[in-house]
Amino acid sequence: MLLTLDLQFFAGEKTEKATPKKRQDSRKKGQVLKSQDVTSAIVLLSVFIFMFFAAGLMLDNFFVFFRESFTHFIPIHTMNEDQVMLIYMSMIKQMAVILLPIMIVAVLASVAANLLQFGLLFTGETLKFDLKKIDPIKGLMRIFSIKAIVELLKSVLKISFIGTVTTLVIWMNFGEVLDLAFSTPQMTLLTIAKLVGMMGIIASLVLLFISILDFLYQKFDYEKNLKMSKQDIKDEYKNMDGDPLIKSKIKQRQREMAMRRMMSEVPQADVVITNPTHFAIALKYDEEQMDSPIVVAKGADFVAQKIKLIAKEHKVVMVENRPLARSMYDQVEVGDRIPEDFFKTVAEILAYVYRIQRKI
């Protein structure tokens, strides 16, 4: 009894790798290998690299924006609604020219990061309402879980690393920072833009390095959650292929139906060729409809005895020919025509049977 319980316990322990079907089902539910930090790092890095190389164009657009704003500025007490809308639309267009390329780069980088991690996937499973998601007990368990502690450590690590590298960038360019007090507004903007770009790119690279570590952890956690027990695998195969017990019953029922059909053909046979105790072959021949005789039933041992019993009840002639019965049992299936090798022997047997029938 104890041994049975131990086997059941170990059968329920999730120690096996997930099957392809389990992975496919999880993917359909939106459960995929993904690190949000990888997406964030790639997006930030792409945006800062774009801003670093497109800084000149953006600067020109900023100057156009401010020039348009101050040129079209009209004292507020003299404005009407149409003038306000014209200025508003002009400012919106100028801001769109500046910000839209950055947004497009961010969107493309986000899509590329997700495709890189789990490929193309469209599913609505994650949008379905689930009461388990608002369960307060499970919510507390998630807050104080190992995963939450890992996320906290990751956040502390990111803040520490990014804070350190940005401080180092400022420290290495501390002289330029001090000179800002004596610089012109244009030089001040250029210096700040350069420092911000450097800090953004370096911080993004640091975040990308951390995200790679996070991706490896997410992969470990993902594989761990997908693991299956031996019983789960057995149940999956049963669901895919059907319960073996049910399948065996279906096959048994099919055999029984085939046997009944075969036995129902024996009374219409012209002759049953036998090996007295082991084999029985029932043949039928219609000169007008058939080119050669066909096997309507065959069997060995118990089935052979049943064929002979039915043949006897319906007065079908039985002829003993041991070599022929054995050879035909091995070479010819039910419903097939007999091979040419047996034509002469079978023709002699049928001629003998027809003579007996005429005498009767």
Protein backbone atom coordinates (compact mmCIF):
# COMPACT_ATOMS: atom_id res chain seq x y z
CA MET A 1 0.00 0.00 0.00
CA LEU A 2 2.79 2.41 0.94
CA LEU A 3 4.65 1.52 -2.25
CA THR A 4 1.56 2.38 -4.32
CA LEU A 5 1.20 5.74 -2.59
CA ASP A 6 4.90 6.52 -3.17
CA LEU A 7 4.57 5.70 -6.87
CA GLN A 8 1.50 7.90 -7.14
CA PHE A 9 3.38 10.74 -5.41
CA PHE A 10 6.35 10.52 -7.74
CA ALA A 11 4.05 10.18 -10.76
CA GLY A 12 2.51 13.54 -9.79
CA GLU A 13 5.85 15.29 -9.31
CA LYS A 14 6.66 17.64 -12.18
CA THR A 15 10.06 16.39 -13.28
CA GLU A 16 9.62 15.96 -17.05
CA LYS A 17 10.22 18.50 -19.80
CA ALA A 18 7.14 19.91 -21.47
CA THR A 19 5.91 18.14 -24.59
CA PRO A 20 5.49 20.04 -27.89
CA LYS A 21 1.72 19.97 -27.40
CA LYS A 22 2.00 21.51 -23.92
CA ARG A 23 4.24 24.26 -25.32
CA GLN A 24 1.82 24.91 -28.15
CA ASP A 25 -1.18 25.07 -25.79
CA SER A 26 0.70 27.46 -23.47
CA ARG A 27 1.60 29.66 -26.42
CA LYS A 28 -2.04 29.82 -27.51
CA LYS A 29 -2.89 31.04 -24.00
CA GLY A 30 -0.27 33.80 -24.29
CA GLN A 31 2.19 32.09 -21.95
CA VAL A 32 5.49 32.68 -23.75
CA LEU A 33 9.12 33.20 -22.85
CA LYS A 34 9.50 36.96 -22.50
CA SER A 35 11.59 39.44 -20.54
CA GLN A 36 10.11 42.91 -20.27
CA ASP A 37 13.57 44.27 -19.51
CA VAL A 38 14.81 43.13 -22.94
CA THR A 39 12.02 45.10 -24.62
CA SER A 40 12.68 48.19 -22.48
CA ALA A 41 16.44 48.06 -23.10
CA ILE A 42 16.09 47.68 -26.88
CA VAL A 43 13.51 50.49 -27.06
CA LEU A 44 15.62 52.90 -24.98
CA LEU A 45 18.80 52.06 -26.87
CA SER A 46 17.08 52.52 -30.25
CA VAL A 47 15.52 55.83 -29.24
CA PHE A 48 18.77 57.29 -27.86
CA ILE A 49 20.80 56.13 -30.87
CA PHE A 50 18.23 57.70 -33.19
CA MET A 51 18.26 60.94 -31.19
CA PHE A 52 22.08 60.95 -31.18
CA PHE A 53 22.29 60.76 -35.00
CA ALA A 54 19.18 62.87 -35.70
CA ALA A 55 20.10 65.62 -33.21
CA GLY A 56 20.92 68.15 -35.96
CA LEU A 57 17.58 67.68 -37.72
CA MET A 58 15.71 67.83 -34.42
CA LEU A 59 17.55 71.05 -33.48
CA ASP A 60 16.50 72.67 -36.75
CA ASN A 61 12.90 71.59 -36.15
CA PHE A 62 13.00 73.02 -32.63
CA PHE A 63 14.19 76.37 -33.97
CA VAL A 64 11.39 76.31 -36.56
CA PHE A 65 8.91 75.53 -33.79
CA PHE A 66 9.99 78.42 -31.58
CA ARG A 67 10.28 80.79 -34.55
CA GLU A 68 6.75 79.93 -35.70
CA SER A 69 5.43 80.28 -32.14
CA PHE A 70 6.92 83.74 -31.58
CA THR A 71 6.22 84.97 -35.11
CA HIS A 72 2.52 84.11 -34.94
CA PHE A 73 2.19 85.32 -31.37
CA ILE A 74 -0.64 87.85 -31.13
CA PRO A 75 -1.69 89.63 -27.89
CA ILE A 76 -4.36 87.47 -26.31
CA HIS A 77 -6.89 90.29 -25.96
CA THR A 78 -6.90 90.79 -29.77
CA MET A 79 -7.24 87.07 -30.69
CA ASN A 80 -10.40 85.46 -31.96
CA GLU A 81 -11.26 81.76 -32.03
CA ASP A 82 -10.03 81.22 -35.57
CA GLN A 83 -6.62 82.72 -34.82
CA VAL A 84 -6.21 80.62 -31.69
CA MET A 85 -7.02 77.43 -33.67
CA LEU A 86 -4.58 78.38 -36.43
CA ILE A 87 -1.76 78.87 -33.93
CA TYR A 88 -2.72 75.68 -32.09
CA MET A 89 -2.77 73.56 -35.29
CA SER A 90 0.56 75.04 -36.42
CA MET A 91 2.17 74.14 -33.07
CA ILE A 92 0.71 70.61 -33.18
CA LYS A 93 2.14 70.03 -36.66
CA GLN A 94 5.58 71.26 -35.64
CA MET A 95 5.60 69.08 -32.50
CA ALA A 96 4.47 66.08 -34.58
CA VAL A 97 7.40 66.59 -36.96
CA ILE A 98 9.75 66.52 -33.94
CA LEU A 99 8.19 63.74 -31.85
CA LEU A 100 6.61 61.39 -34.42
CA PRO A 101 9.93 59.91 -35.69
CA ILE A 102 10.94 59.13 -32.09
CA MET A 103 7.59 57.41 -31.44
CA ILE A 104 7.88 55.40 -34.66
CA VAL A 105 11.37 54.23 -33.72
CA ALA A 106 10.13 53.25 -30.24
CA VAL A 107 7.18 51.26 -31.67
CA LEU A 108 9.33 49.47 -34.25
CA ALA A 109 11.97 48.64 -31.62
CA SER A 110 9.27 47.29 -29.27
CA VAL A 111 7.79 45.07 -32.00
CA ALA A 112 11.26 43.86 -33.02
CA ALA A 113 12.17 43.03 -29.39
CA ASN A 114 9.00 40.96 -28.94
CA LEU A 115 9.46 39.17 -32.27
CA LEU A 116 13.03 38.39 -31.27
CA GLN A 117 11.87 36.77 -28.04
CA PHE A 118 8.76 34.75 -28.96
CA GLY A 119 7.95 35.41 -32.62
CA LEU A 120 4.63 36.42 -34.10
CA LEU A 121 1.66 35.72 -31.83
CA PHE A 122 -1.94 36.92 -31.79
CA THR A 123 -4.13 35.74 -28.92
CA GLY A 124 -7.03 37.09 -26.92
CA GLU A 125 -6.65 34.68 -24.00
CA THR A 126 -4.81 37.21 -21.83
CA LEU A 127 -7.67 39.71 -22.26
CA LYS A 128 -10.32 37.35 -20.90
CA PHE A 129 -11.78 38.15 -17.49
CA ASP A 130 -10.47 35.81 -14.81
CA LEU A 131 -11.58 35.98 -11.16
CA LYS A 132 -8.33 34.35 -10.08
CA LYS A 133 -6.47 37.52 -11.10
CA ILE A 134 -8.36 39.56 -8.48
CA ASP A 135 -8.18 36.95 -5.75
CA PRO A 136 -6.71 38.85 -2.72
CA ILE A 137 -5.11 35.74 -1.22
CA LYS A 138 -3.30 34.87 -4.44
CA GLY A 139 -2.41 38.54 -4.81
CA LEU A 140 -0.68 38.50 -1.42
CA MET A 141 1.06 35.26 -2.34
CA ARG A 142 2.39 36.92 -5.50
CA ILE A 143 3.60 39.95 -3.51
CA PHE A 144 5.56 37.81 -1.05
CA SER A 145 6.66 35.15 -3.53
CA ILE A 146 10.19 34.29 -4.64
CA LYS A 147 9.45 35.89 -8.01
CA ALA A 148 8.55 39.19 -6.33
CA ILE A 149 11.82 39.14 -4.37
CA VAL A 150 13.74 38.50 -7.59
CA GLU A 151 11.96 41.42 -9.28
CA LEU A 152 12.85 43.66 -6.32
CA LEU A 153 16.52 42.66 -6.53
CA LYS A 154 16.45 43.31 -10.28
CA SER A 155 15.04 46.80 -9.71
CA VAL A 156 17.69 47.60 -7.10
CA LEU A 157 20.37 46.27 -9.43
CA LYS A 158 19.13 48.37 -12.35
CA ILE A 159 18.91 51.55 -10.28
CA SER A 160 22.39 50.97 -8.85
CA PHE A 161 24.05 50.23 -12.19
CA ILE A 162 22.31 52.98 -14.15
CA GLY A 163 22.89 55.52 -11.36
CA THR A 164 26.56 54.58 -11.22
CA VAL A 165 27.20 54.90 -14.96
CA THR A 166 25.33 58.22 -15.27
CA THR A 167 27.30 59.59 -12.32
CA LEU A 168 30.54 58.47 -13.99
CA VAL A 169 29.56 60.21 -17.24
CA ILE A 170 28.89 63.47 -15.39
CA TRP A 171 32.10 63.09 -13.35
CA MET A 172 34.18 62.49 -16.47
CA ASN A 173 32.69 65.63 -18.06
CA PHE A 174 32.58 67.67 -14.86
CA GLY A 175 34.63 70.49 -16.40
CA GLU A 176 32.07 70.99 -19.18
CA VAL A 177 29.28 70.98 -16.60
CA LEU A 178 31.01 73.76 -14.63
CA ASP A 179 31.55 75.78 -17.81
CA LEU A 180 27.79 75.84 -18.45
CA ALA A 181 27.53 78.88 -16.14
CA PHE A 182 29.64 80.89 -18.59
CA SER A 183 28.33 79.44 -21.86
CA THR A 184 25.86 80.90 -24.32
CA PRO A 185 22.35 79.41 -24.39
CA GLN A 186 23.13 77.58 -27.65
CA MET A 187 26.34 76.04 -26.25
CA THR A 188 24.51 75.13 -23.04
CA LEU A 189 21.82 73.25 -25.00
CA LEU A 190 24.44 71.46 -27.10
CA THR A 191 26.43 70.38 -24.03
CA ILE A 192 23.34 69.16 -22.18
CA ALA A 193 22.12 67.31 -25.27
CA LYS A 194 25.52 65.60 -25.68
CA LEU A 195 25.65 64.56 -22.02
CA VAL A 196 22.06 63.32 -22.03
CA GLY A 197 22.73 61.32 -25.22
CA MET A 198 25.86 59.73 -23.76
CA MET A 199 24.16 58.90 -20.48
CA GLY A 200 21.12 57.48 -22.32
CA ILE A 201 23.16 55.22 -24.61
CA ILE A 202 25.46 53.96 -21.84
CA ALA A 203 22.53 53.42 -19.45
CA SER A 204 20.66 51.54 -22.21
CA LEU A 205 23.68 49.27 -22.80
CA VAL A 206 23.88 48.56 -19.06
CA LEU A 207 20.13 47.83 -19.01
CA LEU A 208 20.57 45.55 -22.03
CA PHE A 209 23.26 43.59 -20.18
CA ILE A 210 20.96 43.23 -17.14
CA SER A 211 18.06 42.25 -19.41
CA ILE A 212 20.12 39.39 -20.89
CA LEU A 213 20.60 38.03 -17.38
CA ASP A 214 16.89 38.53 -16.75
CA PHE A 215 16.06 36.69 -19.99
CA LEU A 216 18.10 33.69 -18.83
CA TYR A 217 16.25 33.74 -15.50
CA GLN A 218 12.87 34.06 -17.26
CA LYS A 219 13.80 31.10 -19.45
CA PHE A 220 14.63 29.02 -16.37
CA ASP A 221 11.35 30.05 -14.68
CA TYR A 222 9.37 29.45 -17.88
CA GLU A 223 10.74 25.93 -18.34
CA LYS A 224 10.16 25.20 -14.66
CA ASN A 225 6.50 26.24 -14.85
CA LEU A 226 5.99 24.19 -18.02
CA LYS A 227 7.36 20.99 -16.52
CA MET A 228 5.00 18.03 -16.45
CA SER A 229 4.60 14.97 -14.32
CA LYS A 230 4.71 11.47 -15.78
CA GLN A 231 0.97 11.24 -15.20
CA ASP A 232 0.42 14.50 -17.12
CA ILE A 233 2.28 13.06 -20.10
CA LYS A 234 0.26 9.85 -19.96
CA ASP A 235 -2.99 11.82 -19.79
CA GLU A 236 -1.91 13.97 -22.73
CA TYR A 237 -1.17 10.93 -24.87
CA LYS A 238 -4.53 9.48 -23.89
CA ASN A 239 -6.29 12.65 -24.96
CA MET A 240 -4.35 12.78 -28.23
CA ASP A 241 -4.61 9.12 -29.21
CA GLY A 242 -7.61 8.07 -27.17
CA ASP A 243 -7.84 5.89 -24.08
CA PRO A 244 -6.08 2.54 -24.82
CA LEU A 245 -8.92 0.67 -23.09
CA ILE A 246 -11.52 2.36 -25.28
CA LYS A 247 -9.39 1.83 -28.38
CA SER A 248 -9.03 -1.89 -27.60
CA LYS A 249 -12.79 -2.17 -27.12
CA ILE A 250 -13.39 -0.41 -30.44
CA LYS A 251 -10.96 -2.75 -32.21
CA GLN A 252 -12.61 -5.74 -30.54
CA ARG A 253 -16.02 -4.54 -31.69
CA GLN A 254 -14.69 -4.04 -35.23
CA ARG A 255 -13.24 -7.55 -35.24
CA GLU A 256 -16.54 -8.95 -34.05
CA MET A 257 -18.45 -7.11 -36.79
CA ALA A 258 -15.95 -8.27 -39.42
CA MET A 259 -16.26 -11.83 -38.11
CA ARG A 260 -20.08 -11.70 -38.32
CA ARG A 261 -19.91 -10.36 -41.88
CA MET A 262 -17.46 -13.09 -42.84
CA MET A 263 -19.55 -15.85 -41.29
CA SER A 264 -22.65 -14.54 -43.06
CA GLU A 265 -20.86 -15.18 -46.40
CA VAL A 266 -20.09 -18.84 -45.64
CA PRO A 267 -23.59 -20.16 -46.58
CA GLN A 268 -23.20 -18.61 -50.06
CA ALA A 269 -19.79 -20.29 -50.61
CA ASP A 270 -19.35 -23.02 -53.23
CA VAL A 271 -16.76 -24.97 -51.29
CA VAL A 272 -14.80 -24.94 -48.03
CA ILE A 273 -11.22 -26.19 -48.34
CA THR A 274 -9.92 -27.55 -45.06
CA ASN A 275 -6.92 -28.77 -43.23
CA PRO A 276 -8.92 -31.06 -40.95
CA THR A 277 -8.15 -29.38 -37.64
CA HIS A 278 -6.38 -26.07 -38.22
CA PHE A 279 -7.50 -24.17 -41.36
CA ALA A 280 -10.65 -23.55 -43.37
CA ILE A 281 -10.98 -21.46 -46.57
CA ALA A 282 -14.43 -20.71 -48.05
CA LEU A 283 -14.47 -20.00 -51.82
CA LYS A 284 -17.18 -18.59 -54.05
CA TYR A 285 -17.25 -18.50 -57.84
CA ASP A 286 -19.79 -17.00 -60.22
CA GLU A 287 -18.82 -17.63 -63.83
CA GLU A 288 -20.87 -14.67 -65.12
CA GLN A 289 -19.64 -12.04 -62.61
CA MET A 290 -16.15 -13.21 -61.59
CA ASP A 291 -12.92 -13.85 -63.48
CA SER A 292 -11.71 -16.19 -60.76
CA PRO A 293 -12.92 -17.53 -57.41
CA ILE A 294 -12.72 -15.24 -54.36
CA VAL A 295 -12.13 -16.04 -50.70
CA VAL A 296 -15.28 -15.12 -48.74
CA ALA A 297 -14.06 -16.46 -45.37
CA LYS A 298 -10.99 -17.95 -43.81
CA GLY A 299 -9.87 -18.91 -40.34
CA ALA A 300 -7.59 -20.97 -38.18
CA ASP A 301 -8.30 -23.20 -35.19
CA PHE A 302 -11.51 -22.02 -33.45
CA VAL A 303 -12.58 -19.80 -36.37
CA ALA A 304 -11.91 -22.66 -38.80
CA GLN A 305 -14.14 -24.98 -36.76
CA LYS A 306 -16.89 -22.37 -36.76
CA ILE A 307 -16.66 -21.96 -40.56
CA LYS A 308 -16.93 -25.73 -41.00
CA LEU A 309 -19.90 -25.88 -38.61
CA ILE A 310 -21.79 -23.18 -40.56
CA ALA A 311 -20.88 -24.87 -43.85
CA LYS A 312 -22.21 -28.17 -42.57
CA GLU A 313 -25.47 -26.55 -41.40
CA HIS A 314 -26.03 -25.00 -44.86
CA LYS A 315 -24.83 -28.12 -46.74
CA VAL A 316 -21.79 -26.42 -48.29
CA VAL A 317 -19.37 -29.02 -49.67
CA MET A 318 -16.12 -29.35 -47.71
CA VAL A 319 -12.97 -30.68 -49.39
CA GLU A 320 -9.83 -31.62 -47.48
CA ASN A 321 -6.58 -30.39 -49.06
CA ARG A 322 -3.98 -29.64 -46.44
CA PRO A 323 -1.26 -27.96 -48.58
CA LEU A 324 -3.78 -25.80 -50.43
CA ALA A 325 -5.61 -24.73 -47.26
CA ARG A 326 -2.34 -23.80 -45.56
CA SER A 327 -0.97 -21.88 -48.58
CA MET A 328 -4.18 -19.96 -49.25
CA TYR A 329 -4.55 -19.03 -45.58
CA ASP A 330 -1.09 -17.42 -45.67
CA GLN A 331 -1.32 -15.75 -49.09
CA VAL A 332 -4.94 -14.67 -49.69
CA GLU A 333 -7.05 -12.25 -47.65
CA VAL A 334 -10.82 -12.26 -47.30
CA GLY A 335 -12.41 -10.63 -50.37
CA ASP A 336 -9.37 -11.20 -52.61
CA ARG A 337 -9.25 -13.29 -55.77
CA ILE A 338 -7.12 -16.41 -55.61
CA PRO A 339 -3.65 -16.15 -57.25
CA GLU A 340 -2.95 -17.84 -60.58
CA ASP A 341 -0.77 -20.43 -58.81
CA PHE A 342 -3.91 -21.97 -57.34
CA PHE A 343 -6.10 -21.88 -60.47
CA LYS A 344 -5.54 -25.48 -61.58
CA THR A 345 -6.01 -27.05 -58.13
CA VAL A 346 -9.06 -24.93 -57.30
CA ALA A 347 -10.59 -25.63 -60.75
CA GLU A 348 -10.30 -29.37 -60.11
CA ILE A 349 -11.91 -28.96 -56.68
CA LEU A 350 -14.78 -26.86 -58.07
CA ALA A 351 -15.34 -29.38 -60.87
CA TYR A 352 -15.55 -32.10 -58.24
CA VAL A 353 -17.99 -30.01 -56.19
CA TYR A 354 -20.22 -29.31 -59.21
CA ARG A 355 -20.38 -33.04 -60.03
CA ILE A 356 -21.44 -33.81 -56.47
CA GLN A 357 -24.12 -31.07 -56.58
CA ARG A 358 -25.50 -32.43 -59.88
CA LYS A 359 -25.76 -35.91 -58.41
CA ILE A 360 -27.60 -34.53 -55.41
